Amino acid sequence: MSRVREEKPSRMSAIAIAKLICVITSFIVSSAIIQYIIVDLLPRLNVDISAYKIYIDISLSLLFGYLIVHSFSSVVYWSLRTRYTHPVAASVRSIIRILGVGVMVSVISGALTNPTAGVALGGFIGMVVGFASQNILSQVLAGLFVLISRPIAIGELVELGGAKGVVEDISTLFTWIRTDDGRLILIPNNAVIGQRIIKYP
């Protein structure tokens, strides 16, 4: 049974890679077909929509760009699942999706307008995301560190941030502790990293 569980992530990783290749191939084929229709076929029929080609290109790039980012994050997720647990792989997948969408928008704007606009838009998106989610990103990075380094484990009796109890769950943002009186305490992961951890036998 354990061997089946070990083989599943590698099989799903191969499927995710195949899906990523299919999405990229579909994007190339779709772009070629649209290019042929707008540039070669429609002018022969006395129909000219070349002025709208840029809007079609933007729509196609956004659609397939999101699908490529989604597929690539799935490849990374299943690759990490061969060595790490679901929370670690899911956290990395979420970060890749967020960064991938930002990079996709800046690359598309740079390719369709000019490189300066793409760099400016990418920098602006980076500043907005950085300022808006500074605390959240610090907690996510701390959560990744906790999940990878594993200073605590689910089921252990520990004392964190002045709270003593059994670790029930470790997510990317919080560590969940159940105290003796039944209270459930959520401790931010950056507090877990920044304070001492006391383990009880």
Protein backbone atom coordinates (compact mmCIF):
# COMPACT_ATOMS: atom_id res chain seq x y z
CA MET A 1 0.00 0.00 0.00
CA SER A 2 2.84 2.40 0.87
CA ARG A 3 4.50 1.63 -2.45
CA VAL A 4 1.33 2.65 -4.29
CA ARG A 5 1.25 5.93 -2.36
CA GLU A 6 4.89 6.58 -3.26
CA GLU A 7 4.31 5.88 -6.95
CA LYS A 8 1.23 8.08 -7.24
CA PRO A 9 3.03 11.48 -7.01
CA SER A 10 5.55 10.43 -9.68
CA ARG A 11 2.73 9.24 -11.95
CA MET A 12 0.77 12.45 -11.39
CA SER A 13 3.95 14.44 -12.06
CA ALA A 14 4.30 12.76 -15.45
CA ILE A 15 0.62 13.51 -16.21
CA ALA A 16 1.10 17.16 -15.18
CA ILE A 17 4.15 17.46 -17.48
CA ALA A 18 2.13 15.97 -20.35
CA LYS A 19 -0.68 18.48 -19.71
CA LEU A 20 1.82 21.35 -19.68
CA ILE A 21 3.25 20.20 -23.03
CA CYS A 22 -0.28 19.91 -24.46
CA VAL A 23 -1.17 23.45 -23.31
CA ILE A 24 1.99 24.93 -24.83
CA THR A 25 1.43 23.02 -28.07
CA SER A 26 -2.21 24.17 -28.19
CA PHE A 27 -1.08 27.76 -27.71
CA ILE A 28 1.40 27.54 -30.59
CA VAL A 29 -1.11 25.85 -32.90
CA SER A 30 -3.91 28.30 -32.00
CA SER A 31 -1.63 31.28 -32.60
CA ALA A 32 -0.60 29.89 -35.99
CA ILE A 33 -4.22 29.23 -37.01
CA ILE A 34 -5.35 32.72 -35.98
CA GLN A 35 -2.38 34.25 -37.78
CA TYR A 36 -3.29 32.34 -40.96
CA ILE A 37 -6.98 33.26 -40.75
CA ILE A 38 -6.45 36.98 -40.13
CA VAL A 39 -3.43 37.58 -42.35
CA ASP A 40 -3.99 35.16 -45.27
CA LEU A 41 -7.52 33.75 -45.42
CA LEU A 42 -9.80 36.69 -44.59
CA PRO A 43 -8.08 39.21 -46.92
CA ARG A 44 -8.80 36.82 -49.79
CA LEU A 45 -12.49 37.06 -48.87
CA ASN A 46 -12.26 40.87 -48.75
CA VAL A 47 -12.60 40.87 -44.96
CA ASP A 48 -10.04 42.89 -43.03
CA ILE A 49 -9.97 42.56 -39.23
CA SER A 50 -6.23 43.09 -38.87
CA ALA A 51 -6.94 46.15 -36.70
CA TYR A 52 -8.48 43.83 -34.09
CA LYS A 53 -5.66 41.30 -34.19
CA ILE A 54 -3.92 42.79 -31.18
CA TYR A 55 -7.03 42.29 -29.03
CA ILE A 56 -7.31 38.69 -30.17
CA ASP A 57 -3.61 38.17 -29.39
CA ILE A 58 -4.02 39.66 -25.91
CA SER A 59 -7.05 37.50 -25.15
CA LEU A 60 -5.33 34.36 -26.43
CA SER A 61 -2.14 35.14 -24.52
CA LEU A 62 -4.00 35.79 -21.26
CA LEU A 63 -6.03 32.59 -21.59
CA PHE A 64 -3.15 30.29 -22.47
CA GLY A 65 -0.77 32.18 -20.18
CA TYR A 66 -2.99 31.40 -17.20
CA LEU A 67 -3.32 27.77 -18.32
CA ILE A 68 0.47 27.49 -18.67
CA VAL A 69 1.04 28.99 -15.20
CA HIS A 70 -1.60 26.67 -13.75
CA SER A 71 -0.10 23.61 -15.45
CA PHE A 72 3.47 24.55 -14.47
CA SER A 73 2.44 25.00 -10.82
CA SER A 74 0.85 21.53 -10.94
CA VAL A 75 4.12 20.09 -12.24
CA VAL A 76 6.00 21.71 -9.35
CA TYR A 77 3.36 20.52 -6.87
CA TRP A 78 3.55 16.86 -7.89
CA SER A 79 7.34 17.01 -8.13
CA LEU A 80 7.51 18.24 -4.54
CA ARG A 81 4.97 15.66 -3.37
CA THR A 82 7.55 12.93 -3.96
CA ARG A 83 9.59 14.38 -1.08
CA TYR A 84 7.33 16.66 0.96
CA THR A 85 3.82 16.63 2.38
CA HIS A 86 0.75 18.21 0.79
CA PRO A 87 0.90 21.51 2.80
CA VAL A 88 4.48 22.21 1.69
CA ALA A 89 3.78 21.42 -1.97
CA ALA A 90 0.49 23.35 -1.96
CA SER A 91 2.18 26.42 -0.46
CA VAL A 92 4.88 26.45 -3.12
CA ARG A 93 2.22 25.92 -5.80
CA SER A 94 0.24 28.95 -4.57
CA ILE A 95 3.34 31.17 -4.55
CA ILE A 96 4.24 30.06 -8.09
CA ARG A 97 0.73 30.85 -9.32
CA ILE A 98 0.78 34.34 -7.80
CA LEU A 99 4.24 35.13 -9.17
CA GLY A 100 3.43 33.48 -12.50
CA VAL A 101 0.34 35.60 -13.10
CA GLY A 102 2.32 38.77 -12.33
CA VAL A 103 5.14 37.77 -14.66
CA MET A 104 2.64 36.75 -17.34
CA VAL A 105 0.90 40.13 -17.31
CA SER A 106 4.17 42.05 -17.46
CA VAL A 107 5.59 39.87 -20.25
CA ILE A 108 2.42 40.13 -22.34
CA SER A 109 2.27 43.91 -21.94
CA GLY A 110 5.95 44.17 -22.85
CA ALA A 111 5.60 41.93 -25.90
CA LEU A 112 2.48 43.64 -27.25
CA THR A 113 3.46 47.24 -26.52
CA ASN A 114 7.12 47.81 -25.72
CA PRO A 115 9.66 46.36 -23.27
CA THR A 116 9.73 49.55 -21.17
CA ALA A 117 6.00 49.30 -20.48
CA GLY A 118 6.38 45.65 -19.50
CA VAL A 119 9.19 46.39 -17.07
CA ALA A 120 7.29 49.34 -15.59
CA LEU A 121 4.10 47.30 -15.18
CA GLY A 122 6.01 44.41 -13.64
CA GLY A 123 7.70 46.74 -11.18
CA PHE A 124 4.40 48.39 -10.30
CA ILE A 125 2.72 45.01 -9.72
CA GLY A 126 5.66 43.94 -7.57
CA MET A 127 5.42 47.06 -5.41
CA VAL A 128 1.65 46.75 -4.98
CA VAL A 129 1.84 43.08 -4.06
CA GLY A 130 4.80 43.68 -1.77
CA PHE A 131 3.21 46.50 0.20
CA ALA A 132 -0.25 44.95 0.32
CA SER A 133 0.87 41.52 1.47
CA GLN A 134 4.06 42.14 3.42
CA ASN A 135 2.81 40.50 6.62
CA ILE A 136 1.11 37.65 4.78
CA LEU A 137 4.19 36.88 2.70
CA SER A 138 6.38 36.86 5.80
CA GLN A 139 3.97 34.39 7.42
CA VAL A 140 3.89 32.22 4.29
CA LEU A 141 7.70 32.11 4.11
CA ALA A 142 7.85 31.33 7.82
CA GLY A 143 5.22 28.63 7.28
CA LEU A 144 7.30 27.09 4.50
CA PHE A 145 10.33 27.10 6.79
CA VAL A 146 8.32 25.41 9.57
CA LEU A 147 6.92 22.80 7.17
CA ILE A 148 10.30 22.02 5.59
CA SER A 149 12.56 22.16 8.66
CA ARG A 150 9.89 20.59 10.94
CA PRO A 151 10.91 21.97 14.34
CA ILE A 152 7.49 20.79 15.55
CA ALA A 153 5.18 18.02 14.38
CA ILE A 154 1.46 17.37 14.54
CA GLY A 155 0.54 15.58 17.75
CA GLU A 156 3.44 16.96 19.82
CA LEU A 157 2.87 18.69 23.15
CA VAL A 158 4.62 22.05 22.84
CA GLU A 159 4.63 25.59 24.18
CA LEU A 160 4.59 28.34 21.54
CA GLY A 161 4.06 32.03 22.07
CA GLY A 162 2.99 31.51 25.66
CA ALA A 163 0.42 28.87 24.71
CA LYS A 164 0.83 25.24 25.76
CA GLY A 165 -1.01 22.46 23.97
CA VAL A 166 -0.98 19.75 21.34
CA VAL A 167 -0.17 20.72 17.75
CA GLU A 168 -3.27 19.94 15.65
CA ASP A 169 -2.28 21.38 12.29
CA ILE A 170 0.46 23.40 10.57
CA SER A 171 -0.63 25.52 7.60
CA THR A 172 1.22 28.14 5.60
CA LEU A 173 -0.10 30.97 7.79
CA PHE A 174 -0.80 29.51 11.22
CA THR A 175 0.11 26.73 13.61
CA TRP A 176 -2.98 25.32 15.34
CA ILE A 177 -2.63 24.34 19.01
CA ARG A 178 -5.29 22.67 21.17
CA THR A 179 -4.89 23.56 24.85
CA ASP A 180 -5.81 21.36 27.82
CA ASP A 181 -9.07 23.22 28.37
CA GLY A 182 -10.16 22.59 24.76
CA ARG A 183 -9.36 26.00 23.27
CA LEU A 184 -7.97 26.13 19.75
CA ILE A 185 -5.22 28.75 19.38
CA LEU A 186 -3.90 29.92 16.03
CA ILE A 187 -0.31 31.16 16.24
CA PRO A 188 1.18 33.03 13.22
CA ASN A 189 4.11 31.12 11.80
CA ASN A 190 6.42 34.13 11.90
CA ALA A 191 5.87 34.13 15.68
CA VAL A 192 6.76 30.43 15.76
CA ILE A 193 10.06 31.13 14.02
CA GLY A 194 10.82 34.23 16.09
CA GLN A 195 10.24 32.69 19.54
CA ARG A 196 11.57 29.76 21.47
CA ILE A 197 9.84 26.38 21.16
CA ILE A 198 9.45 24.20 24.24
CA LYS A 199 8.69 20.52 23.66
CA TYR A 200 7.26 18.24 26.34
CA PRO A 201 7.68 14.47 26.40
